[in-house]
C-alpha atoms as a PDB file:
ATOM      1  CA  MET A   1      -0.174   0.044  -0.059  1.00  0.00           C
ATOM      2  CA  THR A   2       2.988   2.309   0.613  1.00  0.00           C
ATOM      3  CA  LYS A   3       3.612   2.139  -2.967  1.00  0.00           C
ATOM      4  CA  ILE A   4       0.225   2.583  -3.956  1.00  0.00           C
ATOM      5  CA  ARG A   5       0.802   5.992  -2.132  1.00  0.00           C
ATOM      6  CA  SER A   6       3.820   6.915  -3.388  1.00  0.00           C
ATOM      7  CA  PHE A   7       2.982   6.565  -6.732  1.00  0.00           C
ATOM      8  CA  SER A   8      -0.178   8.954  -6.179  1.00  0.00           C
ATOM      9  CA  VAL A   9       1.377  11.413  -4.487  1.00  0.00           C
ATOM     10  CA  VAL A  10       3.904  12.024  -7.830  1.00  0.00           C
ATOM     11  CA  ALA A  11       0.720  11.721 -10.025  1.00  0.00           C
ATOM     12  CA  ILE A  12      -0.765  14.317  -7.717  1.00  0.00           C
ATOM     13  CA  ALA A  13       2.524  16.261  -8.174  1.00  0.00           C
ATOM     14  CA  PHE A  14       2.682  16.436 -11.507  1.00  0.00           C
ATOM     15  CA  ALA A  15      -0.431  17.490 -12.484  1.00  0.00           C
ATOM     16  CA  LEU A  16      -0.122  20.372 -10.114  1.00  0.00           C
ATOM     17  CA  LEU A  17       2.893  21.413 -11.654  1.00  0.00           C
ATOM     18  CA  LEU A  18       1.582  21.258 -15.082  1.00  0.00           C
ATOM     19  CA  CYS A  19      -1.357  23.561 -13.458  1.00  0.00           C
ATOM     20  CA  SER A  20       1.588  26.283 -12.339  1.00  0.00           C
ATOM     21  CA  LEU A  21       3.334  26.168 -16.478  1.00  0.00           C
ATOM     22  CA  THR A  22      -0.229  26.769 -18.029  1.00  0.00           C
ATOM     23  CA  ASP A  23      -0.378  30.100 -19.650  1.00  0.00           C
ATOM     24  CA  ALA A  24      -2.541  32.586 -18.483  1.00  0.00           C
ATOM     25  CA  GLN A  25      -4.244  32.344 -21.648  1.00  0.00           C
ATOM     26  CA  ALA A  26      -5.579  29.177 -21.669  1.00  0.00           C
ATOM     27  CA  GLN A  27      -8.709  30.039 -19.223  1.00  0.00           C
ATOM     28  CA  LYS A  28     -10.134  26.706 -19.417  1.00  0.00           C
ATOM     29  CA  SER A  29      -7.476  24.861 -18.481  1.00  0.00           C
ATOM     30  CA  GLY A  30      -7.420  23.689 -15.073  1.00  0.00           C
ATOM     31  CA  VAL A  31      -7.450  20.558 -12.427  1.00  0.00           C
ATOM     32  CA  SER A  32     -10.746  18.755 -11.402  1.00  0.00           C
ATOM     33  CA  LEU A  33     -11.270  16.486  -8.356  1.00  0.00           C
ATOM     34  CA  HIS A  34     -13.273  12.897  -9.177  1.00  0.00           C
ATOM     35  CA  LEU A  35     -15.423  11.180  -7.184  1.00  0.00           C
ATOM     36  CA  GLY A  36     -17.215   7.685  -8.602  1.00  0.00           C
ATOM     37  CA  GLY A  37     -18.759   4.599  -8.173  1.00  0.00           C
ATOM     38  CA  ILE A  38     -16.968   1.617  -9.921  1.00  0.00           C
ATOM     39  CA  LEU A  39     -18.071  -1.189 -11.237  1.00  0.00           C
ATOM     40  CA  PRO A  40     -15.785  -4.211 -11.993  1.00  0.00           C
ATOM     41  CA  LEU A  41     -15.658  -6.290 -15.382  1.00  0.00           C
ATOM     42  CA  LYS A  42     -16.090  -9.531 -16.286  1.00  0.00           C
ATOM     43  CA  PRO A  43     -13.842 -12.045 -15.116  1.00  0.00           C
ATOM     44  CA  MET A  44     -13.005  -9.538 -11.954  1.00  0.00           C
ATOM     45  CA  SER A  45     -16.793  -9.338 -11.202  1.00  0.00           C
ATOM     46  CA  GLU A  46     -17.260 -13.198 -11.760  1.00  0.00           C
ATOM     47  CA  ASN A  47     -17.219 -15.456  -9.335  1.00  0.00           C
ATOM     48  CA  PRO A  48     -14.502 -19.183  -9.118  1.00  0.00           C
ATOM     49  CA  ILE A  49     -16.374 -22.802  -9.355  1.00  0.00           C
ATOM     50  CA  TYR A  50     -15.290 -22.884  -5.798  1.00  0.00           C
ATOM     51  CA  LEU A  51     -15.445 -20.692  -2.919  1.00  0.00           C
ATOM     52  CA  ASN A  52     -12.041 -21.246  -1.423  1.00  0.00           C
ATOM     53  CA  PRO A  53     -10.777 -18.858   0.494  1.00  0.00           C
ATOM     54  CA  VAL A  54      -7.052 -19.943   0.771  1.00  0.00           C
ATOM     55  CA  ASP A  55      -6.141 -20.579  -2.989  1.00  0.00           C
ATOM     56  CA  PRO A  56      -5.828 -17.304  -4.765  1.00  0.00           C
ATOM     57  CA  THR A  57      -8.308 -17.494  -8.039  1.00  0.00           C
ATOM     58  CA  THR A  58      -8.214 -16.233 -11.787  1.00  0.00           C
ATOM     59  CA  ASN A  59     -11.987 -14.981 -11.057  1.00  0.00           C
ATOM     60  CA  GLY A  60     -12.343 -11.306  -9.190  1.00  0.00           C
ATOM     61  CA  SER A  61     -15.067 -11.883  -7.314  1.00  0.00           C
ATOM     62  CA  ALA A  62     -15.109  -8.255  -6.957  1.00  0.00           C
ATOM     63  CA  MET A  63     -18.449  -6.171  -6.013  1.00  0.00           C
ATOM     64  CA  PHE A  64     -19.233  -2.344  -7.157  1.00  0.00           C
ATOM     65  CA  GLY A  65     -16.279   0.175  -5.261  1.00  0.00           C
ATOM     66  CA  ALA A  66     -15.485   3.843  -5.490  1.00  0.00           C
ATOM     67  CA  SER A  67     -13.071   5.797  -6.855  1.00  0.00           C
ATOM     68  CA  LEU A  68     -11.294   9.135  -6.112  1.00  0.00           C
ATOM     69  CA  GLY A  69      -9.228  10.950  -8.747  1.00  0.00           C
ATOM     70  CA  LEU A  70      -7.095  13.888  -9.542  1.00  0.00           C
ATOM     71  CA  ARG A  71      -6.620  15.362 -13.394  1.00  0.00           C
ATOM     72  CA  TYR A  72      -5.387  18.524 -14.998  1.00  0.00           C
ATOM     73  CA  ASN A  73      -6.878  19.540 -19.009  1.00  0.00           C
ATOM     74  CA  TYR A  74      -5.069  21.871 -21.038  1.00  0.00           C
ATOM     75  CA  ARG A  75      -7.284  23.213 -23.898  1.00  0.00           C
ATOM     76  CA  PHE A  76      -5.272  24.849 -26.771  1.00  0.00           C
ATOM     77  CA  MET A  77      -7.212  28.086 -26.263  1.00  0.00           C
ATOM     78  CA  ASN A  78      -5.898  31.347 -28.318  1.00  0.00           C
ATOM     79  CA  THR A  79      -4.648  29.250 -30.748  1.00  0.00           C
ATOM     80  CA  ARG A  80      -5.589  28.260 -34.523  1.00  0.00           C
ATOM     81  CA  ILE A  81      -6.973  25.077 -33.288  1.00  0.00           C
ATOM     82  CA  GLU A  82      -9.154  26.248 -31.110  1.00  0.00           C
ATOM     83  CA  ASP A  83     -11.821  25.933 -32.367  1.00  0.00           C
ATOM     84  CA  LEU A  84     -11.308  22.274 -32.452  1.00  0.00           C
ATOM     85  CA  GLY A  85     -12.448  22.011 -28.638  1.00  0.00           C
ATOM     86  CA  LEU A  86      -9.209  19.868 -28.350  1.00  0.00           C
ATOM     87  CA  GLY A  87      -6.930  19.596 -25.081  1.00  0.00           C
ATOM     88  CA  ILE A  88      -4.672  17.030 -23.562  1.00  0.00           C
ATOM     89  CA  PHE A  89      -4.992  15.810 -19.954  1.00  0.00           C
ATOM     90  CA  ILE A  90      -3.271  13.755 -17.428  1.00  0.00           C
ATOM     91  CA  SER A  91      -5.386  11.891 -14.092  1.00  0.00           C
ATOM     92  CA  ALA A  92      -4.662   9.193 -12.016  1.00  0.00           C
ATOM     93  CA  ASP A  93      -7.276   7.318  -9.913  1.00  0.00           C
ATOM     94  CA  LEU A  94      -7.457   5.402  -6.480  1.00  0.00           C
ATOM     95  CA  MET A  95     -10.006   2.795  -7.191  1.00  0.00           C
ATOM     96  CA  TRP A  96     -10.830   0.084  -4.402  1.00  0.00           C
ATOM     97  CA  ASN A  97     -13.017  -2.995  -4.733  1.00  0.00           C
ATOM     98  CA  ALA A  98     -14.289  -5.451  -1.793  1.00  0.00           C
ATOM     99  CA  LEU A  99     -15.392  -9.198  -2.597  1.00  0.00           C
ATOM    100  CA  ASN A 100     -18.941  -9.878  -3.371  1.00  0.00           C
ATOM    101  CA  LYS A 101     -20.942 -10.928  -0.532  1.00  0.00           C
ATOM    102  CA  ASP A 102     -21.030 -14.789  -1.375  1.00  0.00           C
ATOM    103  CA  VAL A 103     -17.004 -14.646  -0.743  1.00  0.00           C
ATOM    104  CA  ARG A 104     -17.331 -12.690   2.525  1.00  0.00           C
ATOM    105  CA  ASP A 105     -19.211 -14.904   3.938  1.00  0.00           C
ATOM    106  CA  ALA A 106     -17.161 -17.583   2.820  1.00  0.00           C
ATOM    107  CA  TYR A 107     -14.006 -15.815   4.408  1.00  0.00           C
ATOM    108  CA  ASP A 108     -16.081 -15.406   7.929  1.00  0.00           C
ATOM    109  CA  PHE A 109     -16.923 -18.967   8.087  1.00  0.00           C
ATOM    110  CA  VAL A 110     -12.610 -19.678   8.233  1.00  0.00           C
ATOM    111  CA  SER A 111     -12.616 -16.706  10.664  1.00  0.00           C
ATOM    112  CA  LYS A 112     -10.031 -14.983   7.629  1.00  0.00           C
ATOM    113  CA  THR A 113      -9.551 -11.704   6.916  1.00  0.00           C
ATOM    114  CA  LYS A 114     -10.785 -10.111   3.588  1.00  0.00           C
ATOM    115  CA  PRO A 115      -8.540  -8.901   0.819  1.00  0.00           C
ATOM    116  CA  MET A 116      -9.767  -6.140  -0.988  1.00  0.00           C
ATOM    117  CA  TYR A 117      -8.356  -4.825  -4.870  1.00  0.00           C
ATOM    118  CA  VAL A 118      -7.046  -2.099  -5.541  1.00  0.00           C
ATOM    119  CA  ASN A 119      -5.746   0.087  -9.055  1.00  0.00           C
ATOM    120  CA  VAL A 120      -4.194   3.153  -9.764  1.00  0.00           C
ATOM    121  CA  PRO A 121      -4.275   3.901 -13.127  1.00  0.00           C
ATOM    122  CA  ILE A 122      -2.307   7.200 -14.113  1.00  0.00           C
ATOM    123  CA  VAL A 123      -3.516   7.779 -18.029  1.00  0.00           C
ATOM    124  CA  ALA A 124      -2.527  10.520 -20.232  1.00  0.00           C
ATOM    125  CA  GLY A 125      -4.405  11.298 -23.533  1.00  0.00           C
ATOM    126  CA  LEU A 126      -6.356  13.608 -25.973  1.00  0.00           C
ATOM    127  CA  SER A 127     -10.252  15.427 -24.629  1.00  0.00           C
ATOM    128  CA  TYR A 128     -12.463  17.077 -26.576  1.00  0.00           C
ATOM    129  CA  THR A 129     -15.229  19.289 -25.810  1.00  0.00           C
ATOM    130  CA  SER A 130     -18.043  20.981 -27.740  1.00  0.00           C
ATOM    131  CA  THR A 131     -19.504  23.933 -25.415  1.00  0.00           C
ATOM    132  CA  PHE A 132     -23.346  24.650 -27.022  1.00  0.00           C
ATOM    133  CA  SER A 133     -23.413  27.367 -24.386  1.00  0.00           C
ATOM    134  CA  ASP A 134     -22.183  28.911 -20.984  1.00  0.00           C
ATOM    135  CA  ILE A 135     -23.930  26.406 -19.162  1.00  0.00           C
ATOM    136  CA  ILE A 136     -23.427  23.241 -20.953  1.00  0.00           C
ATOM    137  CA  ALA A 137     -20.971  21.187 -22.817  1.00  0.00           C
ATOM    138  CA  VAL A 138     -20.333  17.796 -23.843  1.00  0.00           C
ATOM    139  CA  TRP A 139     -16.693  16.231 -23.770  1.00  0.00           C
ATOM    140  CA  GLY A 140     -14.885  12.851 -24.775  1.00  0.00           C
ATOM    141  CA  GLU A 141     -11.593  11.602 -24.005  1.00  0.00           C
ATOM    142  CA  VAL A 142      -9.266   8.743 -24.656  1.00  0.00           C
ATOM    143  CA  GLY A 143      -6.024   8.036 -23.146  1.00  0.00           C
ATOM    144  CA  VAL A 144      -3.454   5.395 -22.130  1.00  0.00           C
ATOM    145  CA  GLY A 145      -0.985   4.574 -19.827  1.00  0.00           C
ATOM    146  CA  CYS A 146      -0.334   2.405 -16.860  1.00  0.00           C
ATOM    147  CA  ASP A 147      -2.194   0.801 -13.838  1.00  0.00           C
ATOM    148  CA  LEU A 148      -0.820  -0.368 -10.536  1.00  0.00           C
ATOM    149  CA  PHE A 149      -2.678  -3.270  -9.120  1.00  0.00           C
ATOM    150  CA  GLN A 150      -2.293  -4.525  -5.908  1.00  0.00           C
ATOM    151  CA  LYS A 151      -4.211  -7.046  -3.814  1.00  0.00           C
ATOM    152  CA  THR A 152      -4.374  -6.497   0.027  1.00  0.00           C
ATOM    153  CA  THR A 153      -3.379  -8.500   2.751  1.00  0.00           C
ATOM    154  CA  GLU A 154      -5.579 -11.303   4.027  1.00  0.00           C
ATOM    155  CA  GLY A 155      -5.017 -14.451   6.357  1.00  0.00           C
ATOM    156  CA  TRP A 156      -5.613 -15.178  10.070  1.00  0.00           C
ATOM    157  CA  LYS A 157      -3.910 -13.082  13.310  1.00  0.00           C
ATOM    158  CA  ASN A 158      -0.633 -15.720  12.998  1.00  0.00           C
ATOM    159  CA  MET A 159      -0.657 -16.572   9.475  1.00  0.00           C
ATOM    160  CA  THR A 160      -1.128 -13.731   6.472  1.00  0.00           C
ATOM    161  CA  THR A 161      -0.750 -13.953   2.732  1.00  0.00           C
ATOM    162  CA  SER A 162       0.649 -10.627   1.148  1.00  0.00           C
ATOM    163  CA  TYR A 163       0.689 -10.098  -2.644  1.00  0.00           C
ATOM    164  CA  LYS A 164       3.377  -8.005  -4.529  1.00  0.00           C
ATOM    165  CA  MET A 165       1.898  -5.252  -6.293  1.00  0.00           C
ATOM    166  CA  ASP A 166       1.946  -5.519 -10.230  1.00  0.00           C
ATOM    167  CA  THR A 167       2.045  -2.637 -12.847  1.00  0.00           C
ATOM    168  CA  LYS A 168       0.232  -3.232 -16.588  1.00  0.00           C
ATOM    169  CA  PHE A 169      -0.464  -1.503 -19.811  1.00  0.00           C
ATOM    170  CA  ALA A 170      -4.033   1.039 -19.336  1.00  0.00           C
ATOM    171  CA  VAL A 171      -6.437   2.526 -21.728  1.00  0.00           C
ATOM    172  CA  GLU A 172      -9.491   4.964 -20.550  1.00  0.00           C
ATOM    173  CA  ALA A 173     -12.455   6.575 -22.724  1.00  0.00           C
ATOM    174  CA  GLY A 174     -15.206   8.486 -21.795  1.00  0.00           C
ATOM    175  CA  VAL A 175     -17.741  10.461 -22.364  1.00  0.00           C
ATOM    176  CA  GLY A 176     -19.983  13.378 -19.823  1.00  0.00           C
ATOM    177  CA  VAL A 177     -21.211  16.552 -19.736  1.00  0.00           C
ATOM    178  CA  MET A 178     -19.945  20.312 -18.251  1.00  0.00           C
ATOM    179  CA  PHE A 179     -22.200  22.395 -16.357  1.00  0.00           C
ATOM    180  CA  ILE A 180     -20.655  26.132 -16.304  1.00  0.00           C
ATOM    181  CA  ASP A 181     -17.334  24.872 -16.036  1.00  0.00           C
ATOM    182  CA  LEU A 182     -17.704  23.947 -12.519  1.00  0.00           C
ATOM    183  CA  ILE A 183     -19.392  20.580 -12.455  1.00  0.00           C
ATOM    184  CA  SER A 184     -19.024  17.525 -14.845  1.00  0.00           C
ATOM    185  CA  ILE A 185     -20.680  13.896 -14.780  1.00  0.00           C
ATOM    186  CA  GLY A 186     -18.909  10.927 -17.105  1.00  0.00           C
ATOM    187  CA  VAL A 187     -18.878   6.966 -17.896  1.00  0.00           C
ATOM    188  CA  HIS A 188     -15.323   6.075 -18.287  1.00  0.00           C
ATOM    189  CA  TYR A 189     -14.431   2.436 -19.437  1.00  0.00           C
ATOM    190  CA  TYR A 190     -11.226   1.480 -18.224  1.00  0.00           C
ATOM    191  CA  TRP A 191      -9.457  -1.480 -19.602  1.00  0.00           C
ATOM    192  CA  LEU A 192      -6.622  -2.146 -16.634  1.00  0.00           C
ATOM    193  CA  GLY A 193      -4.710  -5.291 -18.151  1.00  0.00           C
ATOM    194  CA  ASN A 194      -4.325  -8.739 -17.199  1.00  0.00           C
ATOM    195  CA  HIS A 195      -2.387  -8.958 -13.699  1.00  0.00           C
ATOM    196  CA  ASP A 196      -0.160 -11.349 -12.179  1.00  0.00           C
ATOM    197  CA  VAL A 197      -1.099 -12.005  -8.472  1.00  0.00           C
ATOM    198  CA  VAL A 198       1.963 -13.197  -7.135  1.00  0.00           C
ATOM    199  CA  VAL A 199       1.978 -14.248  -3.763  1.00  0.00           C
ATOM    200  CA  ALA A 200       4.752 -12.700  -1.480  1.00  0.00           C
ATOM    201  CA  THR A 201       4.273 -14.579   2.066  1.00  0.00           C
ATOM    202  CA  GLY A 202       2.505 -17.343   3.596  1.00  0.00           C
ATOM    203  CA  LEU A 203       1.984 -21.071   2.799  1.00  0.00           C
ATOM    204  CA  LEU A 204       1.800 -20.252  -1.118  1.00  0.00           C
ATOM    205  CA  ALA A 205       4.651 -17.598  -1.292  1.00  0.00           C
ATOM    206  CA  GLY A 206       5.958 -17.654  -4.844  1.00  0.00           C
ATOM    207  CA  THR A 207       2.736 -18.901  -6.795  1.00  0.00           C
ATOM    208  CA  SER A 208       0.829 -16.979  -8.842  1.00  0.00           C
ATOM    209  CA  LYS A 209      -2.000 -16.303 -11.603  1.00  0.00           C
ATOM    210  CA  LYS A 210      -3.624 -13.957 -13.818  1.00  0.00           C
ATOM    211  CA  LEU A 211      -6.409 -11.736 -13.250  1.00  0.00           C
ATOM    212  CA  GLN A 212      -8.193  -9.711 -15.993  1.00  0.00           C
ATOM    213  CA  THR A 213      -9.102  -6.612 -14.868  1.00  0.00           C
ATOM    214  CA  GLY A 214     -11.274  -3.836 -15.970  1.00  0.00           C
ATOM    215  CA  GLN A 215     -13.941  -1.225 -14.815  1.00  0.00           C
ATOM    216  CA  MET A 216     -16.671   0.954 -15.445  1.00  0.00           C
ATOM    217  CA  ALA A 217     -16.542   4.440 -13.728  1.00  0.00           C
ATOM    218  CA  PHE A 218     -19.264   6.770 -13.003  1.00  0.00           C
ATOM    219  CA  LYS A 219     -17.616   9.845 -11.905  1.00  0.00           C
ATOM    220  CA  LEU A 220     -19.071  13.357 -10.772  1.00  0.00           C
ATOM    221  CA  GLY A 221     -16.013  15.877 -11.073  1.00  0.00           C
ATOM    222  CA  PHE A 222     -15.672  19.022  -9.330  1.00  0.00           C
ATOM    223  CA  HIS A 223     -13.257  21.918 -11.903  1.00  0.00           C
ATOM    224  CA  PHE A 224     -11.336  24.574 -10.222  1.00  0.00           C
END
């Protein structure tokens, strides 16, 4: 988890640095904070055939989760391509999913601490905004980057299992609506890669299986 926090801090600092370097003419460029719910896609959301809380599985059994993100968007205002509505962005999100009820019950049955899934996608790409009035605009974006994945520690008091962080290529695409340049709502698709779930400690140390991760995110953004 320390590594996840470190990568998140770096991404946030980079976004704030970009903001400070932005030309004053770019009136609609800026930082935004995004809160949202995330829906894990298959097989991240699928149950294994046998609900065994000891063996890591290629099915994630993840349930609906939450996300918190920071984003910087640069609009090409007062340039030759201003009328095209194009911009570039960089974003970093912290996403977390718990296990679904069936699997949580299986862990509770053996009195075992339940793990969670944590994804930190860091993405850069191209954005497009079309303004209809001073009140409303529609936007779309597509970007690529990397995803930092971590399955948190599970186990019993005297016998825990921890997992290594894994990094994979990530793709993101989103569409939405913005109101008075202050608030936005959007739907985002994240392909976060086939991550290696590698056991770092415990009886199964050194073993690994792949988990295909993907999320649909529904975000509310506050723009500054």
